[in-house]
């Protein structure tokens, strides 16, 4: 439950967008959206938000709620079948954590334009272009090839 006085001075994009994204993906998982619509490829924003950090905890929800089935908590199937964009500040911690869980062919560049100011978008893109955390071939895939394959361009 979100209380309006908690973190009221911190702009929502800093924390709440990440938690909302994570809650949404888990909600979609527990309600069978990914299995009912296997031909839809979702692009999960912001390098999976908090999912890379909590994915290993999700299957344990069954211990607290035995009504949940293993399929409802199979976050690994989501992580292996869906796409993830790198919009926002994903370096230096979040992107490496995500890459431990996904196929790099599912990684897509995104900028958050126009919501993120242009100078910040350029700065974040430059960090992705110059980081040593990604190989040159992975950068090529992320910036161009993966999207071309996904959208059949």
N, C-alpha and C. Protein backbone atom coordinates (compact mmCIF):
# COMPACT_ATOMS: atom_id res chain seq x y z
N UNK A 1 0.84 -1.16 0.00
CA UNK A 1 0.00 0.00 0.00
C UNK A 1 0.89 1.23 0.00
N UNK A 2 0.60 2.15 -0.89
CA UNK A 2 1.37 3.38 -0.98
C UNK A 2 0.70 4.46 -0.14
N UNK A 3 1.45 5.08 0.69
CA UNK A 3 0.93 6.16 1.51
C UNK A 3 1.49 7.46 0.97
N UNK A 4 0.65 8.46 0.80
CA UNK A 4 1.05 9.70 0.14
C UNK A 4 2.13 10.47 0.88
N UNK A 5 2.35 10.19 2.16
CA UNK A 5 3.36 10.93 2.90
C UNK A 5 4.71 10.22 2.94
N UNK A 6 4.76 8.99 2.47
CA UNK A 6 6.01 8.25 2.44
C UNK A 6 6.78 8.66 1.19
N UNK A 7 7.99 9.06 1.36
CA UNK A 7 8.86 9.48 0.25
C UNK A 7 8.22 10.56 -0.62
N UNK A 8 7.43 11.41 -0.03
CA UNK A 8 6.72 12.42 -0.82
C UNK A 8 7.65 13.41 -1.49
N UNK A 9 8.87 13.57 -0.99
CA UNK A 9 9.81 14.50 -1.60
C UNK A 9 10.65 13.86 -2.70
N UNK A 10 10.58 12.55 -2.81
CA UNK A 10 11.34 11.83 -3.83
C UNK A 10 10.43 11.67 -5.06
N UNK A 11 10.84 12.22 -6.20
CA UNK A 11 10.00 12.08 -7.40
C UNK A 11 9.69 10.61 -7.71
N UNK A 12 8.47 10.35 -8.13
CA UNK A 12 8.02 8.97 -8.37
C UNK A 12 8.91 8.17 -9.32
N UNK A 13 9.47 8.77 -10.37
CA UNK A 13 10.30 7.94 -11.25
C UNK A 13 11.51 7.32 -10.56
N UNK A 14 11.95 7.89 -9.47
CA UNK A 14 13.15 7.38 -8.80
C UNK A 14 12.89 6.00 -8.18
N UNK A 15 11.77 5.81 -7.53
CA UNK A 15 11.47 4.54 -6.86
C UNK A 15 10.21 3.87 -7.38
N UNK A 16 9.13 4.60 -7.41
CA UNK A 16 7.81 3.98 -7.65
C UNK A 16 7.68 3.34 -9.01
N UNK A 17 8.26 3.91 -10.06
CA UNK A 17 8.15 3.30 -11.37
C UNK A 17 8.76 1.89 -11.35
N UNK A 18 9.86 1.73 -10.63
CA UNK A 18 10.52 0.42 -10.55
C UNK A 18 9.66 -0.58 -9.79
N UNK A 19 9.10 -0.15 -8.67
CA UNK A 19 8.27 -1.06 -7.89
C UNK A 19 6.98 -1.37 -8.63
N UNK A 20 6.39 -0.38 -9.28
CA UNK A 20 5.16 -0.61 -10.05
C UNK A 20 5.42 -1.60 -11.19
N UNK A 21 6.52 -1.45 -11.88
CA UNK A 21 6.86 -2.37 -12.97
C UNK A 21 7.02 -3.79 -12.44
N UNK A 22 7.75 -3.93 -11.35
CA UNK A 22 7.98 -5.25 -10.77
C UNK A 22 6.66 -5.88 -10.33
N UNK A 23 5.83 -5.11 -9.63
CA UNK A 23 4.52 -5.63 -9.19
C UNK A 23 3.67 -6.04 -10.39
N UNK A 24 3.71 -5.27 -11.46
CA UNK A 24 2.92 -5.57 -12.64
C UNK A 24 3.35 -6.88 -13.29
N UNK A 25 4.64 -7.07 -13.46
CA UNK A 25 5.14 -8.31 -14.08
C UNK A 25 4.78 -9.51 -13.22
N UNK A 26 4.95 -9.42 -11.92
CA UNK A 26 4.61 -10.53 -11.04
C UNK A 26 3.09 -10.78 -11.07
N UNK A 27 2.30 -9.74 -11.11
CA UNK A 27 0.85 -9.89 -11.21
C UNK A 27 0.47 -10.59 -12.52
N UNK A 28 1.11 -10.19 -13.61
CA UNK A 28 0.86 -10.85 -14.89
C UNK A 28 1.23 -12.32 -14.82
N UNK A 29 2.33 -12.62 -14.16
CA UNK A 29 2.77 -14.00 -14.00
C UNK A 29 1.76 -14.81 -13.20
N UNK A 30 1.36 -14.31 -12.05
CA UNK A 30 0.46 -15.08 -11.18
C UNK A 30 -0.93 -15.22 -11.78
N UNK A 31 -1.29 -14.33 -12.71
CA UNK A 31 -2.59 -14.44 -13.37
C UNK A 31 -2.51 -15.12 -14.74
N UNK A 32 -1.36 -15.70 -15.05
CA UNK A 32 -1.24 -16.52 -16.25
C UNK A 32 -1.19 -15.77 -17.57
N UNK A 33 -0.91 -14.50 -17.54
CA UNK A 33 -0.90 -13.71 -18.78
C UNK A 33 0.16 -14.23 -19.75
N UNK A 34 1.35 -14.51 -19.26
CA UNK A 34 2.44 -14.94 -20.15
C UNK A 34 2.15 -16.31 -20.77
N UNK A 35 1.48 -17.19 -20.03
CA UNK A 35 1.17 -18.51 -20.59
C UNK A 35 -0.08 -18.48 -21.47
N UNK A 36 -1.05 -17.63 -21.14
CA UNK A 36 -2.27 -17.54 -21.97
C UNK A 36 -2.00 -16.85 -23.29
N UNK A 37 -1.01 -15.98 -23.33
CA UNK A 37 -0.72 -15.22 -24.54
C UNK A 37 0.75 -15.41 -24.93
N UNK A 38 1.14 -16.62 -25.27
CA UNK A 38 2.56 -16.90 -25.53
C UNK A 38 3.11 -16.20 -26.78
N UNK A 39 2.24 -15.78 -27.67
CA UNK A 39 2.72 -15.12 -28.89
C UNK A 39 2.96 -13.63 -28.72
N UNK A 40 2.56 -13.09 -27.58
CA UNK A 40 2.84 -11.68 -27.30
C UNK A 40 4.20 -11.59 -26.64
N UNK A 41 5.05 -10.76 -27.20
CA UNK A 41 6.36 -10.52 -26.60
C UNK A 41 6.29 -9.17 -25.91
N UNK A 42 6.35 -9.20 -24.60
CA UNK A 42 6.31 -7.98 -23.80
C UNK A 42 7.73 -7.44 -23.67
N UNK A 43 7.84 -6.12 -23.65
CA UNK A 43 9.12 -5.48 -23.38
C UNK A 43 9.02 -4.89 -21.98
N UNK A 44 9.75 -5.47 -21.07
CA UNK A 44 9.72 -5.04 -19.67
C UNK A 44 10.71 -3.90 -19.52
N UNK A 45 10.24 -2.75 -19.04
CA UNK A 45 11.10 -1.57 -19.02
C UNK A 45 12.14 -1.57 -17.91
N UNK A 46 13.07 -0.65 -18.08
CA UNK A 46 14.07 -0.32 -17.07
C UNK A 46 14.86 -1.54 -16.59
N UNK A 47 15.32 -2.33 -17.57
CA UNK A 47 16.15 -3.51 -17.27
C UNK A 47 15.47 -4.43 -16.26
N UNK A 48 14.15 -4.54 -16.38
CA UNK A 48 13.42 -5.43 -15.49
C UNK A 48 13.10 -4.84 -14.13
N UNK A 49 13.39 -3.55 -13.96
CA UNK A 49 13.12 -2.86 -12.70
C UNK A 49 13.80 -3.60 -11.54
N UNK A 50 13.04 -4.04 -10.56
CA UNK A 50 13.61 -4.72 -9.39
C UNK A 50 13.66 -6.24 -9.60
N UNK A 51 13.10 -6.73 -10.70
CA UNK A 51 13.06 -8.18 -10.93
C UNK A 51 14.42 -8.87 -10.83
N UNK A 52 15.50 -8.30 -11.38
CA UNK A 52 16.77 -9.00 -11.26
C UNK A 52 17.20 -9.24 -9.81
N UNK A 53 16.73 -8.40 -8.91
CA UNK A 53 17.12 -8.54 -7.51
C UNK A 53 16.19 -9.45 -6.72
N UNK A 54 14.94 -9.61 -7.17
CA UNK A 54 13.98 -10.39 -6.39
C UNK A 54 13.51 -11.66 -7.10
N UNK A 55 13.99 -11.91 -8.29
CA UNK A 55 13.51 -13.08 -9.05
C UNK A 55 13.70 -14.38 -8.28
N UNK A 56 14.80 -14.53 -7.59
CA UNK A 56 15.03 -15.79 -6.88
C UNK A 56 14.13 -15.93 -5.65
N UNK A 57 13.48 -14.86 -5.21
CA UNK A 57 12.58 -14.91 -4.06
C UNK A 57 11.15 -15.31 -4.46
N UNK A 58 10.77 -15.03 -5.68
CA UNK A 58 9.37 -15.20 -6.10
C UNK A 58 8.87 -16.64 -5.94
N UNK A 59 9.62 -17.66 -6.32
CA UNK A 59 9.11 -19.03 -6.12
C UNK A 59 8.83 -19.37 -4.65
N UNK A 60 9.48 -18.69 -3.73
CA UNK A 60 9.27 -18.97 -2.32
C UNK A 60 7.94 -18.42 -1.80
N UNK A 61 7.23 -17.67 -2.61
CA UNK A 61 5.92 -17.15 -2.19
C UNK A 61 4.96 -18.30 -1.89
N UNK A 62 5.19 -19.43 -2.52
CA UNK A 62 4.31 -20.58 -2.31
C UNK A 62 4.37 -21.07 -0.86
N UNK A 63 5.51 -20.89 -0.21
CA UNK A 63 5.63 -21.28 1.18
C UNK A 63 4.74 -20.44 2.09
N UNK A 64 4.45 -19.22 1.68
CA UNK A 64 3.59 -18.33 2.45
C UNK A 64 2.15 -18.35 1.96
N UNK A 65 1.96 -18.79 0.70
CA UNK A 65 0.62 -18.88 0.13
C UNK A 65 0.54 -20.17 -0.69
N UNK A 66 0.22 -21.31 -0.04
CA UNK A 66 0.20 -22.60 -0.73
C UNK A 66 -0.81 -22.70 -1.87
N UNK A 67 -1.73 -21.75 -1.97
CA UNK A 67 -2.69 -21.76 -3.08
C UNK A 67 -2.02 -21.44 -4.42
N UNK A 68 -0.88 -20.80 -4.36
CA UNK A 68 -0.15 -20.48 -5.59
C UNK A 68 0.48 -21.76 -6.15
N UNK A 69 0.41 -21.90 -7.46
CA UNK A 69 1.02 -23.06 -8.11
C UNK A 69 2.45 -22.72 -8.54
N UNK A 70 3.26 -23.74 -8.77
CA UNK A 70 4.61 -23.46 -9.27
C UNK A 70 4.60 -22.67 -10.58
N UNK A 71 3.60 -22.93 -11.43
CA UNK A 71 3.50 -22.20 -12.70
C UNK A 71 3.24 -20.72 -12.47
N UNK A 72 2.47 -20.40 -11.44
CA UNK A 72 2.16 -19.01 -11.14
C UNK A 72 3.38 -18.26 -10.61
N UNK A 73 4.40 -18.98 -10.24
CA UNK A 73 5.59 -18.35 -9.66
C UNK A 73 6.85 -18.60 -10.49
N UNK A 74 6.66 -19.10 -11.72
CA UNK A 74 7.79 -19.44 -12.58
C UNK A 74 8.34 -18.19 -13.26
N UNK A 75 8.97 -17.36 -12.49
CA UNK A 75 9.52 -16.11 -13.01
C UNK A 75 10.65 -16.38 -14.00
N UNK A 76 11.32 -17.51 -13.87
CA UNK A 76 12.40 -17.82 -14.81
C UNK A 76 11.87 -17.96 -16.24
N UNK A 77 10.64 -18.47 -16.40
CA UNK A 77 10.08 -18.57 -17.75
C UNK A 77 9.85 -17.18 -18.33
N UNK A 78 9.44 -16.25 -17.49
CA UNK A 78 9.26 -14.86 -17.96
C UNK A 78 10.61 -14.26 -18.32
N UNK A 79 11.57 -14.46 -17.45
CA UNK A 79 12.89 -13.87 -17.69
C UNK A 79 13.53 -14.43 -18.96
N UNK A 80 13.20 -15.68 -19.30
CA UNK A 80 13.80 -16.27 -20.50
C UNK A 80 13.01 -16.00 -21.77
N UNK A 81 11.74 -15.62 -21.66
CA UNK A 81 10.92 -15.48 -22.87
C UNK A 81 10.60 -14.04 -23.26
N UNK A 82 10.71 -13.12 -22.34
CA UNK A 82 10.32 -11.74 -22.63
C UNK A 82 11.54 -10.89 -22.94
N UNK A 83 11.28 -9.64 -23.34
CA UNK A 83 12.34 -8.71 -23.69
C UNK A 83 12.46 -7.64 -22.61
N UNK A 84 13.62 -7.03 -22.53
CA UNK A 84 13.90 -6.05 -21.50
C UNK A 84 14.60 -4.86 -22.12
N UNK A 85 14.13 -3.66 -21.81
CA UNK A 85 14.82 -2.48 -22.32
C UNK A 85 15.76 -1.92 -21.26
N UNK A 86 16.63 -1.05 -21.69
CA UNK A 86 17.64 -0.48 -20.80
C UNK A 86 17.42 1.01 -20.56
N UNK A 87 16.17 1.43 -20.63
CA UNK A 87 15.87 2.85 -20.40
C UNK A 87 16.24 3.23 -18.97
N UNK A 88 16.81 4.40 -18.85
CA UNK A 88 17.13 4.92 -17.53
C UNK A 88 18.54 4.56 -17.09
N UNK A 89 18.77 4.72 -15.81
CA UNK A 89 20.09 4.52 -15.22
C UNK A 89 20.24 3.06 -14.80
N UNK A 90 20.74 2.23 -15.71
CA UNK A 90 20.83 0.79 -15.46
C UNK A 90 22.26 0.34 -15.14
N UNK A 91 23.19 1.24 -15.26
CA UNK A 91 24.59 0.93 -14.93
C UNK A 91 24.91 1.54 -13.57
N UNK A 92 25.69 0.95 -12.80
CA UNK A 92 26.56 -0.19 -13.04
C UNK A 92 26.06 -1.47 -12.40
N UNK A 93 24.97 -1.42 -11.65
CA UNK A 93 24.53 -2.61 -10.92
C UNK A 93 23.39 -3.37 -11.59
N UNK A 94 22.39 -2.68 -12.05
CA UNK A 94 21.17 -3.34 -12.49
C UNK A 94 21.36 -4.17 -13.76
N UNK A 95 22.00 -3.62 -14.75
CA UNK A 95 22.16 -4.34 -16.01
C UNK A 95 22.97 -5.63 -15.85
N UNK A 96 24.09 -5.62 -15.14
CA UNK A 96 24.79 -6.90 -14.93
C UNK A 96 23.93 -7.93 -14.20
N UNK A 97 23.13 -7.50 -13.24
CA UNK A 97 22.25 -8.44 -12.53
C UNK A 97 21.22 -9.03 -13.49
N UNK A 98 20.67 -8.19 -14.37
CA UNK A 98 19.70 -8.68 -15.36
C UNK A 98 20.35 -9.69 -16.30
N UNK A 99 21.55 -9.38 -16.75
CA UNK A 99 22.21 -10.25 -17.72
C UNK A 99 22.57 -11.62 -17.14
N UNK A 100 22.56 -11.75 -15.82
CA UNK A 100 22.76 -13.06 -15.22
C UNK A 100 21.51 -13.93 -15.38
N UNK A 101 20.36 -13.32 -15.69
CA UNK A 101 19.09 -14.04 -15.74
C UNK A 101 18.48 -14.17 -17.13
N UNK A 102 18.94 -13.37 -18.08
CA UNK A 102 18.29 -13.37 -19.40
C UNK A 102 19.28 -13.67 -20.51
N UNK A 103 18.73 -14.01 -21.64
CA UNK A 103 19.50 -14.18 -22.87
C UNK A 103 19.80 -12.77 -23.39
N UNK A 104 21.06 -12.44 -23.66
CA UNK A 104 21.38 -11.09 -24.15
C UNK A 104 20.67 -10.72 -25.45
N UNK A 105 20.15 -11.72 -26.16
CA UNK A 105 19.39 -11.44 -27.38
C UNK A 105 18.02 -10.83 -27.07
N UNK A 106 17.67 -10.76 -25.79
CA UNK A 106 16.38 -10.18 -25.38
C UNK A 106 16.55 -8.77 -24.80
N UNK A 107 17.72 -8.20 -24.97
CA UNK A 107 18.02 -6.88 -24.43
C UNK A 107 17.86 -5.83 -25.52
N UNK A 108 17.12 -4.77 -25.22
CA UNK A 108 16.83 -3.73 -26.20
C UNK A 108 17.18 -2.34 -25.64
N UNK A 109 17.69 -1.50 -26.51
CA UNK A 109 17.94 -0.12 -26.11
C UNK A 109 16.62 0.65 -26.07
N UNK A 110 16.47 1.49 -25.08
CA UNK A 110 15.36 2.44 -25.00
C UNK A 110 15.87 3.66 -24.24
N UNK A 111 15.22 4.79 -24.47
CA UNK A 111 15.77 6.05 -23.92
C UNK A 111 14.87 6.75 -22.91
N UNK A 112 13.60 6.43 -22.87
CA UNK A 112 12.62 7.14 -22.05
C UNK A 112 12.32 8.55 -22.54
N UNK A 113 12.68 8.84 -23.77
CA UNK A 113 12.32 10.12 -24.37
C UNK A 113 10.82 10.12 -24.59
N UNK A 114 10.10 11.14 -24.30
CA UNK A 114 10.49 12.49 -23.89
C UNK A 114 10.46 12.71 -22.38
N UNK A 115 10.18 11.65 -21.61
CA UNK A 115 10.03 11.84 -20.17
C UNK A 115 11.35 12.15 -19.48
N UNK A 116 12.42 11.57 -19.99
CA UNK A 116 13.75 11.91 -19.50
C UNK A 116 14.28 13.05 -20.35
N UNK A 117 14.79 14.11 -19.74
CA UNK A 117 15.31 15.25 -20.52
C UNK A 117 16.42 14.80 -21.48
N UNK A 118 16.45 15.42 -22.64
CA UNK A 118 17.39 15.04 -23.69
C UNK A 118 18.84 14.97 -23.23
N UNK A 119 19.36 15.95 -22.49
CA UNK A 119 20.76 15.82 -22.03
C UNK A 119 20.99 14.56 -21.19
N UNK A 120 20.03 14.18 -20.37
CA UNK A 120 20.17 12.97 -19.57
C UNK A 120 20.12 11.73 -20.46
N UNK A 121 19.25 11.73 -21.48
CA UNK A 121 19.17 10.60 -22.41
C UNK A 121 20.51 10.42 -23.11
N UNK A 122 21.08 11.51 -23.57
CA UNK A 122 22.37 11.43 -24.27
C UNK A 122 23.46 10.93 -23.33
N UNK A 123 23.46 11.42 -22.10
CA UNK A 123 24.46 10.98 -21.13
C UNK A 123 24.33 9.50 -20.81
N UNK A 124 23.11 9.02 -20.63
CA UNK A 124 22.89 7.60 -20.33
C UNK A 124 23.27 6.72 -21.53
N UNK A 125 22.94 7.18 -22.73
CA UNK A 125 23.32 6.42 -23.94
C UNK A 125 24.84 6.35 -24.07
N UNK A 126 25.51 7.46 -23.78
CA UNK A 126 26.98 7.46 -23.83
C UNK A 126 27.57 6.48 -22.84
N UNK A 127 26.98 6.39 -21.65
CA UNK A 127 27.48 5.43 -20.66
C UNK A 127 27.31 4.00 -21.17
N UNK A 128 26.18 3.72 -21.81
CA UNK A 128 25.98 2.38 -22.37
C UNK A 128 26.96 2.10 -23.50
N UNK A 129 27.20 3.11 -24.33
CA UNK A 129 28.11 2.93 -25.46
C UNK A 129 29.56 2.71 -25.03
N UNK A 130 29.93 3.28 -23.89
CA UNK A 130 31.34 3.24 -23.48
C UNK A 130 31.62 2.28 -22.33
N UNK A 131 30.61 1.66 -21.75
CA UNK A 131 30.85 0.78 -20.61
C UNK A 131 31.69 -0.43 -20.98
N UNK A 132 32.54 -0.84 -20.05
CA UNK A 132 33.31 -2.05 -20.24
C UNK A 132 32.54 -3.28 -19.76
N UNK A 133 31.35 -3.08 -19.19
CA UNK A 133 30.54 -4.20 -18.70
C UNK A 133 29.89 -4.99 -19.83
N UNK A 134 29.84 -4.37 -21.02
CA UNK A 134 29.22 -5.03 -22.18
C UNK A 134 30.25 -5.16 -23.29
N UNK A 135 30.25 -6.29 -23.95
CA UNK A 135 31.16 -6.50 -25.08
C UNK A 135 30.68 -5.68 -26.27
N UNK A 136 31.57 -5.39 -27.22
CA UNK A 136 31.13 -4.68 -28.43
C UNK A 136 30.01 -5.42 -29.17
N UNK A 137 30.06 -6.75 -29.23
CA UNK A 137 29.01 -7.49 -29.94
C UNK A 137 27.68 -7.40 -29.18
N UNK A 138 27.72 -7.40 -27.86
CA UNK A 138 26.48 -7.25 -27.10
C UNK A 138 25.91 -5.85 -27.27
N UNK A 139 26.75 -4.85 -27.34
CA UNK A 139 26.28 -3.48 -27.58
C UNK A 139 25.59 -3.39 -28.93
N UNK A 140 26.16 -4.02 -29.95
CA UNK A 140 25.55 -4.01 -31.29
C UNK A 140 24.18 -4.68 -31.25
N UNK A 141 24.10 -5.80 -30.56
CA UNK A 141 22.81 -6.48 -30.42
C UNK A 141 21.80 -5.58 -29.70
N UNK A 142 22.21 -5.01 -28.58
CA UNK A 142 21.31 -4.21 -27.75
C UNK A 142 20.83 -2.96 -28.48
N UNK A 143 21.74 -2.28 -29.14
CA UNK A 143 21.39 -1.02 -29.81
C UNK A 143 20.64 -1.22 -31.12
N UNK A 144 20.80 -2.39 -31.78
CA UNK A 144 20.20 -2.50 -33.10
C UNK A 144 19.66 -3.89 -33.43
N UNK A 145 20.49 -4.89 -33.38
CA UNK A 145 20.13 -6.20 -33.95
C UNK A 145 18.96 -6.87 -33.24
N UNK A 146 18.89 -6.80 -31.93
CA UNK A 146 17.80 -7.47 -31.21
C UNK A 146 16.44 -6.87 -31.58
N UNK A 147 16.38 -5.55 -31.69
CA UNK A 147 15.13 -4.90 -32.07
C UNK A 147 14.77 -5.22 -33.53
N UNK A 148 15.78 -5.24 -34.40
CA UNK A 148 15.50 -5.59 -35.78
C UNK A 148 14.90 -6.98 -35.90
N UNK A 149 15.43 -7.93 -35.13
CA UNK A 149 14.90 -9.29 -35.14
C UNK A 149 13.49 -9.34 -34.53
N UNK A 150 13.30 -8.68 -33.39
CA UNK A 150 12.00 -8.70 -32.73
C UNK A 150 10.91 -8.11 -33.63
N UNK A 151 11.21 -6.98 -34.25
CA UNK A 151 10.20 -6.28 -35.05
C UNK A 151 10.28 -6.65 -36.53
N UNK A 152 11.13 -7.62 -36.83
CA UNK A 152 11.27 -8.13 -38.21
C UNK A 152 11.54 -6.99 -39.20
N UNK A 153 12.53 -6.17 -38.87
CA UNK A 153 12.89 -5.02 -39.72
C UNK A 153 13.99 -5.39 -40.69
